[in-house]
Amino acid sequence: MRRLGHAGGMPSEPTTYPGYRFPAEVIHHATWLYHVFSLSLRDIELILAKRGGVVSHESIRRWCLPVFVKGLGFLVPT
């Protein structure tokens, strides 16, 4: 019997990214806010805090940097 909303055989998205301690949903939402709305890192920190997440602006910067650099076509050593 198949359940509604169940993608047959398709793996679901990981709940966390390897090497990160925050859920993938939080990381995705923070990077989305940063790139779509051009918010500052501290503004995103406040938005996530209001939703119950305790994330520093430095963590958000680390998450957003690789996405930005890949879009430019070159790599920066981390």
N, C-alpha and C. Protein backbone atom coordinates (compact mmCIF):
# COMPACT_ATOMS: atom_id res chain seq x y z
N MET A 1 0.84 -1.17 0.00
CA MET A 1 0.00 0.00 0.00
C MET A 1 0.89 1.25 0.00
N ARG A 2 0.57 2.20 -0.85
CA ARG A 2 1.36 3.42 -0.95
C ARG A 2 0.74 4.52 -0.11
N ARG A 3 1.60 5.27 0.52
CA ARG A 3 1.13 6.41 1.31
C ARG A 3 1.11 7.66 0.44
N LEU A 4 0.21 8.56 0.74
CA LEU A 4 0.16 9.83 0.03
C LEU A 4 1.41 10.63 0.34
N GLY A 5 1.95 11.29 -0.66
CA GLY A 5 3.13 12.12 -0.48
C GLY A 5 4.43 11.35 -0.43
N HIS A 6 4.39 10.05 -0.62
CA HIS A 6 5.60 9.23 -0.57
C HIS A 6 6.13 9.06 -1.98
N ALA A 7 7.34 9.53 -2.22
CA ALA A 7 7.96 9.38 -3.54
C ALA A 7 8.53 7.97 -3.63
N GLY A 8 7.92 7.14 -4.41
CA GLY A 8 8.31 5.75 -4.49
C GLY A 8 9.75 5.53 -4.93
N GLY A 9 10.59 5.08 -4.00
CA GLY A 9 11.96 4.76 -4.31
C GLY A 9 12.93 5.93 -4.36
N MET A 10 12.42 7.14 -4.36
CA MET A 10 13.29 8.31 -4.42
C MET A 10 13.83 8.60 -3.02
N PRO A 11 15.13 8.80 -2.88
CA PRO A 11 15.67 9.13 -1.56
C PRO A 11 15.24 10.54 -1.16
N SER A 12 14.91 10.71 0.10
CA SER A 12 14.52 12.04 0.57
C SER A 12 15.78 12.88 0.79
N GLU A 13 15.60 14.19 0.90
CA GLU A 13 16.73 15.07 1.14
C GLU A 13 17.33 14.76 2.51
N PRO A 14 18.64 14.94 2.64
CA PRO A 14 19.26 14.67 3.94
C PRO A 14 18.78 15.67 4.98
N THR A 15 18.67 15.22 6.22
CA THR A 15 18.23 16.12 7.27
C THR A 15 19.35 17.05 7.70
N THR A 16 20.59 16.65 7.50
CA THR A 16 21.74 17.51 7.77
C THR A 16 22.75 17.36 6.66
N TYR A 17 23.56 18.39 6.48
CA TYR A 17 24.65 18.32 5.52
C TYR A 17 25.88 17.77 6.24
N PRO A 18 26.70 16.98 5.58
CA PRO A 18 27.90 16.45 6.23
C PRO A 18 28.80 17.58 6.71
N GLY A 19 29.23 17.50 7.95
CA GLY A 19 30.11 18.51 8.52
C GLY A 19 29.42 19.70 9.15
N TYR A 20 28.11 19.76 9.08
CA TYR A 20 27.37 20.86 9.66
C TYR A 20 26.48 20.36 10.79
N ARG A 21 26.30 21.17 11.83
CA ARG A 21 25.51 20.71 12.96
C ARG A 21 24.06 21.17 12.91
N PHE A 22 23.72 22.06 11.97
CA PHE A 22 22.36 22.56 11.85
C PHE A 22 21.60 21.75 10.80
N PRO A 23 20.28 21.66 10.96
CA PRO A 23 19.49 20.94 9.96
C PRO A 23 19.60 21.59 8.58
N ALA A 24 19.49 20.79 7.56
CA ALA A 24 19.60 21.28 6.18
C ALA A 24 18.55 22.35 5.90
N GLU A 25 17.38 22.23 6.48
CA GLU A 25 16.31 23.20 6.26
C GLU A 25 16.71 24.59 6.76
N VAL A 26 17.39 24.67 7.90
CA VAL A 26 17.84 25.95 8.44
C VAL A 26 18.91 26.57 7.55
N ILE A 27 19.87 25.76 7.11
CA ILE A 27 20.93 26.24 6.24
C ILE A 27 20.35 26.74 4.92
N HIS A 28 19.45 25.97 4.36
CA HIS A 28 18.82 26.34 3.10
C HIS A 28 18.05 27.65 3.24
N HIS A 29 17.28 27.80 4.32
CA HIS A 29 16.48 29.00 4.52
C HIS A 29 17.38 30.23 4.71
N ALA A 30 18.46 30.09 5.46
CA ALA A 30 19.37 31.21 5.70
C ALA A 30 20.05 31.65 4.40
N THR A 31 20.52 30.70 3.60
CA THR A 31 21.17 31.08 2.34
C THR A 31 20.15 31.66 1.36
N TRP A 32 18.94 31.16 1.38
CA TRP A 32 17.88 31.69 0.53
C TRP A 32 17.59 33.14 0.89
N LEU A 33 17.44 33.42 2.18
CA LEU A 33 17.19 34.80 2.63
C LEU A 33 18.32 35.72 2.20
N TYR A 34 19.55 35.26 2.34
CA TYR A 34 20.71 36.08 2.03
C TYR A 34 20.77 36.44 0.54
N HIS A 35 20.55 35.44 -0.33
CA HIS A 35 20.72 35.67 -1.75
C HIS A 35 19.48 36.27 -2.42
N VAL A 36 18.30 35.94 -1.96
CA VAL A 36 17.09 36.45 -2.61
C VAL A 36 16.75 37.87 -2.16
N PHE A 37 16.87 38.14 -0.87
CA PHE A 37 16.45 39.44 -0.35
C PHE A 37 17.60 40.39 -0.03
N SER A 38 18.84 39.97 -0.27
CA SER A 38 20.02 40.80 0.00
C SER A 38 20.02 41.36 1.42
N LEU A 39 19.68 40.52 2.37
CA LEU A 39 19.69 40.92 3.77
C LEU A 39 21.10 40.80 4.32
N SER A 40 21.39 41.55 5.37
CA SER A 40 22.68 41.42 6.03
C SER A 40 22.70 40.13 6.84
N LEU A 41 23.89 39.69 7.18
CA LEU A 41 24.02 38.46 7.96
C LEU A 41 23.38 38.61 9.33
N ARG A 42 23.50 39.79 9.91
CA ARG A 42 22.90 40.02 11.23
C ARG A 42 21.38 40.09 11.15
N ASP A 43 20.84 40.58 10.04
CA ASP A 43 19.38 40.57 9.86
C ASP A 43 18.87 39.13 9.79
N ILE A 44 19.58 38.28 9.07
CA ILE A 44 19.19 36.88 8.97
C ILE A 44 19.30 36.20 10.33
N GLU A 45 20.34 36.55 11.07
CA GLU A 45 20.49 36.02 12.43
C GLU A 45 19.28 36.37 13.29
N LEU A 46 18.81 37.61 13.18
CA LEU A 46 17.63 38.05 13.94
C LEU A 46 16.35 37.34 13.48
N ILE A 47 16.19 37.16 12.17
CA ILE A 47 15.01 36.47 11.65
C ILE A 47 14.97 35.03 12.15
N LEU A 48 16.11 34.35 12.09
CA LEU A 48 16.15 32.96 12.57
C LEU A 48 15.94 32.89 14.08
N ALA A 49 16.46 33.87 14.82
CA ALA A 49 16.27 33.88 16.27
C ALA A 49 14.79 34.07 16.61
N LYS A 50 14.10 34.88 15.83
CA LYS A 50 12.67 35.10 16.07
C LYS A 50 11.87 33.82 15.82
N ARG A 51 12.38 32.96 14.93
CA ARG A 51 11.73 31.68 14.63
C ARG A 51 12.21 30.56 15.54
N GLY A 52 13.10 30.89 16.50
CA GLY A 52 13.53 29.89 17.47
C GLY A 52 14.89 29.29 17.21
N GLY A 53 15.59 29.73 16.18
CA GLY A 53 16.90 29.17 15.88
C GLY A 53 18.01 30.08 16.39
N VAL A 54 18.98 29.48 17.06
CA VAL A 54 20.12 30.25 17.57
C VAL A 54 21.30 29.97 16.65
N VAL A 55 21.51 30.91 15.72
CA VAL A 55 22.56 30.77 14.71
C VAL A 55 23.33 32.08 14.68
N SER A 56 24.66 32.01 14.70
CA SER A 56 25.45 33.23 14.64
C SER A 56 25.59 33.71 13.20
N HIS A 57 25.84 35.00 13.05
CA HIS A 57 26.02 35.55 11.71
C HIS A 57 27.26 34.96 11.03
N GLU A 58 28.24 34.53 11.82
CA GLU A 58 29.44 33.93 11.25
C GLU A 58 29.13 32.58 10.60
N SER A 59 28.25 31.80 11.21
CA SER A 59 27.83 30.53 10.59
C SER A 59 27.12 30.78 9.27
N ILE A 60 26.25 31.78 9.25
CA ILE A 60 25.52 32.11 8.03
C ILE A 60 26.50 32.55 6.94
N ARG A 61 27.53 33.32 7.32
CA ARG A 61 28.53 33.76 6.34
C ARG A 61 29.24 32.55 5.73
N ARG A 62 29.59 31.57 6.56
CA ARG A 62 30.26 30.37 6.06
C ARG A 62 29.37 29.58 5.11
N TRP A 63 28.07 29.55 5.38
CA TRP A 63 27.15 28.82 4.52
C TRP A 63 26.98 29.53 3.18
N CYS A 64 26.94 30.85 3.19
CA CYS A 64 26.65 31.61 1.98
C CYS A 64 27.86 31.81 1.09
N LEU A 65 29.04 31.80 1.63
CA LEU A 65 30.24 32.06 0.83
C LEU A 65 30.45 31.04 -0.29
N PRO A 66 30.39 29.73 -0.05
CA PRO A 66 30.61 28.77 -1.15
C PRO A 66 29.58 28.92 -2.27
N VAL A 67 28.34 29.22 -1.93
CA VAL A 67 27.30 29.38 -2.95
C VAL A 67 27.62 30.59 -3.82
N PHE A 68 28.04 31.68 -3.21
CA PHE A 68 28.38 32.90 -3.94
C PHE A 68 29.59 32.68 -4.83
N VAL A 69 30.60 32.04 -4.31
CA VAL A 69 31.84 31.84 -5.06
C VAL A 69 31.62 30.89 -6.23
N LYS A 70 30.84 29.83 -6.05
CA LYS A 70 30.57 28.90 -7.15
C LYS A 70 29.86 29.62 -8.29
N GLY A 71 29.01 30.59 -7.96
CA GLY A 71 28.30 31.34 -8.99
C GLY A 71 29.23 32.20 -9.82
N LEU A 72 30.37 32.60 -9.26
CA LEU A 72 31.33 33.42 -9.99
C LEU A 72 32.27 32.59 -10.86
N GLY A 73 32.33 31.30 -10.61
CA GLY A 73 33.13 30.43 -11.45
C GLY A 73 34.55 30.20 -10.99
N PHE A 74 34.89 30.58 -9.76
CA PHE A 74 36.22 30.27 -9.24
C PHE A 74 36.10 29.85 -7.79
N LEU A 75 37.14 29.22 -7.28
CA LEU A 75 37.11 28.71 -5.92
C LEU A 75 38.05 29.50 -5.03
N VAL A 76 37.61 29.68 -3.80
CA VAL A 76 38.43 30.34 -2.79
C VAL A 76 38.81 29.30 -1.78
N PRO A 77 40.08 29.18 -1.40
CA PRO A 77 40.46 28.19 -0.39
C PRO A 77 39.79 28.49 0.94
N THR A 78 39.31 27.45 1.60
CA THR A 78 38.64 27.64 2.89
C THR A 78 39.55 27.27 4.03
